[in-house]
Amino acid sequence: SASNQPPILTVKQEPGVTTRKRGSDTEVGNAPKKLKAVETVVLDDDSV
């Protein structure tokens, strides 16, 4: 399952990056928060 986690994170980051480039300042502020939340969950999974 560890091998399946990295691809999922990459897939979730791609849309976030696209939104940051095309989105306005407000969207850019929301994108990092969502990405950080996803990263935190993945890190917790790895730690466990």
PDB file of N, CA and C in Angstrom:
ATOM      1  N   SER A   1       0.840  -1.205   0.000  1.00  0.00           N
ATOM      2  CA  SER A   1       0.000   0.000   0.000  1.00  0.00           C
ATOM      3  C   SER A   1       0.873   1.253   0.000  1.00  0.00           C
ATOM      4  N   ALA A   2       2.088   1.161   0.510  1.00  0.00           N
ATOM      5  CA  ALA A   2       2.974   2.334   0.522  1.00  0.00           C
ATOM      6  C   ALA A   2       3.274   2.773  -0.910  1.00  0.00           C
ATOM      7  N   SER A   3       3.400   1.810  -1.820  1.00  0.00           N
ATOM      8  CA  SER A   3       3.695   2.157  -3.214  1.00  0.00           C
ATOM      9  C   SER A   3       2.497   2.843  -3.864  1.00  0.00           C
ATOM     10  N   ASN A   4       1.295   2.559  -3.378  1.00  0.00           N
ATOM     11  CA  ASN A   4       0.089   3.159  -3.971  1.00  0.00           C
ATOM     12  C   ASN A   4      -0.115   4.592  -3.475  1.00  0.00           C
ATOM     13  N   GLN A   5       0.474   4.966  -2.358  1.00  0.00           N
ATOM     14  CA  GLN A   5       0.251   6.310  -1.800  1.00  0.00           C
ATOM     15  C   GLN A   5       0.919   7.416  -2.624  1.00  0.00           C
ATOM     16  N   PRO A   6       2.191   7.306  -2.995  1.00  0.00           N
ATOM     17  CA  PRO A   6       2.850   8.389  -3.755  1.00  0.00           C
ATOM     18  C   PRO A   6       2.084   8.791  -5.007  1.00  0.00           C
ATOM     19  N   PRO A   7       1.635   7.852  -5.860  1.00  0.00           N
ATOM     20  CA  PRO A   7       0.883   8.232  -7.071  1.00  0.00           C
ATOM     21  C   PRO A   7      -0.369   9.034  -6.723  1.00  0.00           C
ATOM     22  N   ILE A   8      -1.080   8.647  -5.671  1.00  0.00           N
ATOM     23  CA  ILE A   8      -2.304   9.358  -5.287  1.00  0.00           C
ATOM     24  C   ILE A   8      -1.952  10.800  -4.920  1.00  0.00           C
ATOM     25  N   LEU A   9      -0.877  10.994  -4.168  1.00  0.00           N
ATOM     26  CA  LEU A   9      -0.481  12.340  -3.763  1.00  0.00           C
ATOM     27  C   LEU A   9      -0.161  13.177  -5.001  1.00  0.00           C
ATOM     28  N   THR A  10       0.563  12.590  -5.953  1.00  0.00           N
ATOM     29  CA  THR A  10       0.923  13.320  -7.180  1.00  0.00           C
ATOM     30  C   THR A  10      -0.331  13.725  -7.939  1.00  0.00           C
ATOM     31  N   VAL A  11      -1.282  12.814  -8.044  1.00  0.00           N
ATOM     32  CA  VAL A  11      -2.523  13.117  -8.779  1.00  0.00           C
ATOM     33  C   VAL A  11      -3.259  14.265  -8.103  1.00  0.00           C
ATOM     34  N   LYS A  12      -3.246  14.301  -6.781  1.00  0.00           N
ATOM     35  CA  LYS A  12      -3.975  15.365  -6.066  1.00  0.00           C
ATOM     36  C   LYS A  12      -3.207  16.685  -6.177  1.00  0.00           C
ATOM     37  N   GLN A  13      -1.901  16.631  -6.260  1.00  0.00           N
ATOM     38  CA  GLN A  13      -1.112  17.864  -6.350  1.00  0.00           C
ATOM     39  C   GLN A  13      -1.253  18.500  -7.728  1.00  0.00           C
ATOM     40  N   GLU A  14      -1.334  17.690  -8.782  1.00  0.00           N
ATOM     41  CA  GLU A  14      -1.410  18.243 -10.147  1.00  0.00           C
ATOM     42  C   GLU A  14      -2.574  19.225 -10.294  1.00  0.00           C
ATOM     43  N   PRO A  15      -3.817  18.827  -9.949  1.00  0.00           N
ATOM     44  CA  PRO A  15      -4.944  19.755 -10.066  1.00  0.00           C
ATOM     45  C   PRO A  15      -4.726  21.007  -9.213  1.00  0.00           C
ATOM     46  N   GLY A  16      -4.118  20.856  -8.061  1.00  0.00           N
ATOM     47  CA  GLY A  16      -3.869  22.011  -7.193  1.00  0.00           C
ATOM     48  C   GLY A  16      -2.932  23.006  -7.864  1.00  0.00           C
ATOM     49  N   VAL A  17      -1.880  22.500  -8.504  1.00  0.00           N
ATOM     50  CA  VAL A  17      -0.927  23.385  -9.187  1.00  0.00           C
ATOM     51  C   VAL A  17      -1.629  24.104 -10.332  1.00  0.00           C
ATOM     52  N   THR A  18      -2.443  23.375 -11.086  1.00  0.00           N
ATOM     53  CA  THR A  18      -3.167  23.997 -12.209  1.00  0.00           C
ATOM     54  C   THR A  18      -4.081  25.103 -11.686  1.00  0.00           C
ATOM     55  N   THR A  19      -4.735  24.845 -10.561  1.00  0.00           N
ATOM     56  CA  THR A  19      -5.642  25.847  -9.991  1.00  0.00           C
ATOM     57  C   THR A  19      -4.846  27.072  -9.546  1.00  0.00           C
ATOM     58  N   ARG A  20      -3.669  26.857  -8.995  1.00  0.00           N
ATOM     59  CA  ARG A  20      -2.857  27.983  -8.517  1.00  0.00           C
ATOM     60  C   ARG A  20      -2.437  28.868  -9.693  1.00  0.00           C
ATOM     61  N   LYS A  21      -2.083  28.240 -10.809  1.00  0.00           N
ATOM     62  CA  LYS A  21      -1.631  29.024 -11.968  1.00  0.00           C
ATOM     63  C   LYS A  21      -2.795  29.795 -12.590  1.00  0.00           C
ATOM     64  N   ARG A  22      -3.941  29.139 -12.762  1.00  0.00           N
ATOM     65  CA  ARG A  22      -5.076  29.785 -13.434  1.00  0.00           C
ATOM     66  C   ARG A  22      -5.955  30.551 -12.445  1.00  0.00           C
ATOM     67  N   GLY A  23      -5.979  30.107 -11.189  1.00  0.00           N
ATOM     68  CA  GLY A  23      -6.874  30.727 -10.211  1.00  0.00           C
ATOM     69  C   GLY A  23      -6.394  32.100  -9.780  1.00  0.00           C
ATOM     70  N   SER A  24      -7.267  32.823  -9.090  1.00  0.00           N
ATOM     71  CA  SER A  24      -6.913  34.157  -8.602  1.00  0.00           C
ATOM     72  C   SER A  24      -6.202  34.029  -7.250  1.00  0.00           C
ATOM     73  N   ASP A  25      -5.858  35.161  -6.651  1.00  0.00           N
ATOM     74  CA  ASP A  25      -5.150  35.129  -5.369  1.00  0.00           C
ATOM     75  C   ASP A  25      -5.949  34.355  -4.318  1.00  0.00           C
ATOM     76  N   THR A  26      -7.257  34.490  -4.319  1.00  0.00           N
ATOM     77  CA  THR A  26      -8.083  33.800  -3.328  1.00  0.00           C
ATOM     78  C   THR A  26      -7.942  32.291  -3.491  1.00  0.00           C
ATOM     79  N   GLU A  27      -8.005  31.812  -4.721  1.00  0.00           N
ATOM     80  CA  GLU A  27      -7.883  30.364  -4.952  1.00  0.00           C
ATOM     81  C   GLU A  27      -6.481  29.894  -4.592  1.00  0.00           C
ATOM     82  N   VAL A  28      -5.490  30.710  -4.914  1.00  0.00           N
ATOM     83  CA  VAL A  28      -4.108  30.338  -4.595  1.00  0.00           C
ATOM     84  C   VAL A  28      -3.957  30.148  -3.085  1.00  0.00           C
ATOM     85  N   GLY A  29      -4.642  30.989  -2.308  1.00  0.00           N
ATOM     86  CA  GLY A  29      -4.553  30.873  -0.850  1.00  0.00           C
ATOM     87  C   GLY A  29      -5.214  29.595  -0.361  1.00  0.00           C
ATOM     88  N   ASN A  30      -6.265  29.143  -1.056  1.00  0.00           N
ATOM     89  CA  ASN A  30      -6.973  27.930  -0.634  1.00  0.00           C
ATOM     90  C   ASN A  30      -6.239  26.675  -1.090  1.00  0.00           C
ATOM     91  N   ALA A  31      -5.596  26.725  -2.244  1.00  0.00           N
ATOM     92  CA  ALA A  31      -4.927  25.537  -2.791  1.00  0.00           C
ATOM     93  C   ALA A  31      -3.866  25.003  -1.825  1.00  0.00           C
ATOM     94  N   PRO A  32      -2.925  25.842  -1.373  1.00  0.00           N
ATOM     95  CA  PRO A  32      -1.878  25.350  -0.462  1.00  0.00           C
ATOM     96  C   PRO A  32      -2.468  24.715   0.795  1.00  0.00           C
ATOM     97  N   LYS A  33      -3.537  25.289   1.331  1.00  0.00           N
ATOM     98  CA  LYS A  33      -4.131  24.728   2.552  1.00  0.00           C
ATOM     99  C   LYS A  33      -4.606  23.300   2.294  1.00  0.00           C
ATOM    100  N   LYS A  34      -5.269  23.092   1.153  1.00  0.00           N
ATOM    101  CA  LYS A  34      -5.769  21.744   0.848  1.00  0.00           C
ATOM    102  C   LYS A  34      -4.590  20.799   0.624  1.00  0.00           C
ATOM    103  N   LEU A  35      -3.564  21.264  -0.084  1.00  0.00           N
ATOM    104  CA  LEU A  35      -2.405  20.414  -0.357  1.00  0.00           C
ATOM    105  C   LEU A  35      -1.725  20.035   0.962  1.00  0.00           C
ATOM    106  N   LYS A  36      -1.575  21.000   1.857  1.00  0.00           N
ATOM    107  CA  LYS A  36      -0.928  20.712   3.141  1.00  0.00           C
ATOM    108  C   LYS A  36      -1.738  19.678   3.916  1.00  0.00           C
ATOM    109  N   ALA A  37      -3.052  19.802   3.890  1.00  0.00           N
ATOM    110  CA  ALA A  37      -3.901  18.855   4.609  1.00  0.00           C
ATOM    111  C   ALA A  37      -3.695  17.455   4.046  1.00  0.00           C
ATOM    112  N   VAL A  38      -3.640  17.346   2.724  1.00  0.00           N
ATOM    113  CA  VAL A  38      -3.443  16.034   2.096  1.00  0.00           C
ATOM    114  C   VAL A  38      -2.078  15.487   2.484  1.00  0.00           C
ATOM    115  N   GLU A  39      -1.046  16.330   2.441  1.00  0.00           N
ATOM    116  CA  GLU A  39       0.304  15.872   2.784  1.00  0.00           C
ATOM    117  C   GLU A  39       0.346  15.390   4.231  1.00  0.00           C
ATOM    118  N   THR A  40      -0.317  16.108   5.122  1.00  0.00           N
ATOM    119  CA  THR A  40      -0.311  15.729   6.535  1.00  0.00           C
ATOM    120  C   THR A  40      -0.928  14.344   6.712  1.00  0.00           C
ATOM    121  N   VAL A  41      -2.022  14.084   6.014  1.00  0.00           N
ATOM    122  CA  VAL A  41      -2.688  12.781   6.126  1.00  0.00           C
ATOM    123  C   VAL A  41      -1.752  11.689   5.635  1.00  0.00           C
ATOM    124  N   VAL A  42      -1.079  11.939   4.515  1.00  0.00           N
ATOM    125  CA  VAL A  42      -0.167  10.928   3.958  1.00  0.00           C
ATOM    126  C   VAL A  42       0.987  10.691   4.921  1.00  0.00           C
ATOM    127  N   LEU A  43       1.525  11.760   5.492  1.00  0.00           N
ATOM    128  CA  LEU A  43       2.639  11.620   6.425  1.00  0.00           C
ATOM    129  C   LEU A  43       2.191  10.805   7.641  1.00  0.00           C
ATOM    130  N   ASP A  44       0.993  11.072   8.135  1.00  0.00           N
ATOM    131  CA  ASP A  44       0.478  10.311   9.280  1.00  0.00           C
ATOM    132  C   ASP A  44       0.405   8.829   8.927  1.00  0.00           C
ATOM    133  N   ASP A  45      -0.060   8.530   7.713  1.00  0.00           N
ATOM    134  CA  ASP A  45      -0.152   7.134   7.283  1.00  0.00           C
ATOM    135  C   ASP A  45       1.237   6.502   7.279  1.00  0.00           C
ATOM    136  N   ASP A  46       2.212   7.220   6.746  1.00  0.00           N
ATOM    137  CA  ASP A  46       3.575   6.686   6.683  1.00  0.00           C
ATOM    138  C   ASP A  46       4.116   6.454   8.098  1.00  0.00           C
ATOM    139  N   SER A  47       3.883   7.402   8.995  1.00  0.00           N
ATOM    140  CA  SER A  47       4.391   7.281  10.364  1.00  0.00           C
ATOM    141  C   SER A  47       3.806   6.041  11.030  1.00  0.00           C
ATOM    142  N   VAL A  48       2.534   5.803  10.818  1.00  0.00           N
ATOM    143  CA  VAL A  48       1.878   4.642  11.435  1.00  0.00           C
ATOM    144  C   VAL A  48       2.459   3.394  10.793  1.00  0.00           C
TER     145      VAL A  48
END
